Amino acid sequence: MKKYVLALDLTDDAKLIAEYEDYHQNVWPEIKKSITESGIQNMEIYRFGNRLCMIMDTEEDFSFQKKGEMDANNEKVQEWETLMWKYQQAIPGAKEGEKWVIMDKIFQL
């Protein structure tokens, strides 16, 4: 199993953050299906203020390239991603159009 940790910022607006959290309490079934079909076995998202941290446990052969191709060809995923941009903003240092950025592991006990 592989583990990835990613970061993203939300728009710093309490109302929008609450809406975002509501969406994530009721994630569309098509989105959950696309996540598991891509090889992601577990996904957790944590929030502090407007900063998000996502932890993903994946199958060994998981790749972000393959996930991206699957998502690009999935109309419901594209609809979800467009909707989520209302709430999200790129984290400082992200590339143009990049949402979640992979964090580097710097310590393990």
Protein backbone atom coordinates (compact mmCIF):
# COMPACT_ATOMS: atom_id res chain seq x y z
CA MET A 1 0.00 0.00 0.00
CA LYS A 2 1.12 3.55 -0.76
CA LYS A 3 0.27 6.63 1.31
CA TYR A 4 -0.04 10.17 0.00
CA VAL A 5 -0.67 13.38 1.93
CA LEU A 6 -1.95 16.40 0.04
CA ALA A 7 -2.82 19.99 0.95
CA LEU A 8 -5.28 22.56 -0.37
CA ASP A 9 -6.76 25.83 0.85
CA LEU A 10 -10.39 26.81 0.96
CA THR A 11 -11.66 30.32 0.36
CA ASP A 12 -11.43 31.96 3.78
CA ASP A 13 -15.18 32.46 4.23
CA ALA A 14 -17.05 30.72 7.07
CA LYS A 15 -20.26 30.30 5.05
CA LEU A 16 -18.45 28.75 2.09
CA ILE A 17 -16.39 26.49 4.37
CA ALA A 18 -19.61 25.25 6.01
CA GLU A 19 -21.12 24.53 2.57
CA TYR A 20 -17.96 22.66 1.55
CA GLU A 21 -18.12 20.52 4.68
CA ASP A 22 -21.81 19.80 4.01
CA TYR A 23 -20.94 18.52 0.54
CA HIS A 24 -18.32 16.26 2.09
CA GLN A 25 -20.82 14.83 4.56
CA ASN A 26 -22.90 13.76 1.56
CA VAL A 27 -20.42 13.01 -1.22
CA TRP A 28 -22.15 11.95 -4.39
CA PRO A 29 -22.10 8.14 -4.89
CA GLU A 30 -20.51 8.56 -8.33
CA ILE A 31 -17.59 10.41 -6.74
CA LYS A 32 -17.04 7.72 -4.12
CA LYS A 33 -17.15 5.10 -6.88
CA SER A 34 -14.59 6.98 -9.00
CA ILE A 35 -12.27 7.25 -5.99
CA THR A 36 -12.33 3.54 -5.19
CA GLU A 37 -12.15 2.47 -8.84
CA SER A 38 -8.93 4.47 -9.23
CA GLY A 39 -7.17 2.37 -6.60
CA ILE A 40 -7.68 4.58 -3.56
CA GLN A 41 -8.50 2.32 -0.62
CA ASN A 42 -9.00 4.98 2.04
CA MET A 43 -9.24 8.76 1.99
CA GLU A 44 -9.51 11.19 4.89
CA ILE A 45 -9.69 14.99 4.79
CA TYR A 46 -8.89 17.18 7.79
CA ARG A 47 -9.36 20.94 8.15
CA PHE A 48 -7.76 23.66 10.25
CA GLY A 49 -9.08 27.12 9.45
CA ASN A 50 -9.14 27.20 5.67
CA ARG A 51 -6.28 24.68 5.20
CA LEU A 52 -7.15 21.12 4.20
CA CYS A 53 -5.00 18.02 4.53
CA MET A 54 -5.96 14.83 2.65
CA ILE A 55 -4.50 11.42 3.49
CA MET A 56 -4.85 8.70 0.87
CA ASP A 57 -4.00 5.02 1.17
CA THR A 58 -3.77 3.46 -2.27
CA GLU A 59 -3.04 0.21 -4.04
CA GLU A 60 0.59 -0.26 -5.05
CA ASP A 61 -0.15 0.39 -8.75
CA PHE A 62 -2.07 3.65 -8.12
CA SER A 63 -0.98 6.61 -10.23
CA PHE A 64 -2.16 10.21 -10.30
CA GLN A 65 -1.82 10.16 -14.10
CA LYS A 66 -4.26 7.24 -14.41
CA LYS A 67 -6.64 8.87 -11.89
CA GLY A 68 -6.49 12.12 -13.86
CA GLU A 69 -7.32 10.34 -17.11
CA MET A 70 -10.24 8.52 -15.46
CA ASP A 71 -11.53 11.79 -13.98
CA ALA A 72 -11.22 13.66 -17.29
CA ASN A 73 -13.49 11.05 -18.90
CA ASN A 74 -16.08 11.06 -16.11
CA GLU A 75 -18.79 13.69 -16.55
CA LYS A 76 -19.97 13.48 -12.93
CA VAL A 77 -16.42 13.92 -11.58
CA GLN A 78 -15.98 16.97 -13.82
CA GLU A 79 -19.26 18.39 -12.49
CA TRP A 80 -18.10 17.81 -8.88
CA GLU A 81 -14.67 19.34 -9.50
CA THR A 82 -16.19 22.43 -11.12
CA LEU A 83 -18.54 22.82 -8.15
CA MET A 84 -15.69 22.39 -5.63
CA TRP A 85 -13.65 25.22 -7.23
CA LYS A 86 -16.30 27.58 -5.80
CA TYR A 87 -14.88 26.75 -2.37
CA GLN A 88 -11.23 26.01 -3.09
CA GLN A 89 -8.22 28.13 -3.84
CA ALA A 90 -4.74 27.09 -4.82
CA ILE A 91 -2.31 26.73 -1.95
CA PRO A 92 0.70 29.10 -2.11
CA GLY A 93 3.34 27.52 -4.35
CA ALA A 94 0.86 25.47 -6.41
CA LYS A 95 1.18 25.49 -10.18
CA GLU A 96 -1.40 27.28 -12.34
CA GLY A 97 -4.71 25.38 -12.16
CA GLU A 98 -3.36 22.90 -9.61
CA LYS A 99 -5.63 22.04 -6.71
CA TRP A 100 -4.35 19.48 -4.24
CA VAL A 101 -0.56 19.41 -3.91
CA ILE A 102 1.44 16.45 -2.63
CA MET A 103 3.23 17.10 0.63
CA ASP A 104 6.72 15.74 1.28
CA LYS A 105 7.14 13.43 4.26
CA ILE A 106 9.90 14.82 6.44
CA PHE A 107 9.60 12.64 9.55
CA GLN A 108 8.37 9.22 10.63
CA LEU A 109 8.58 7.65 14.06
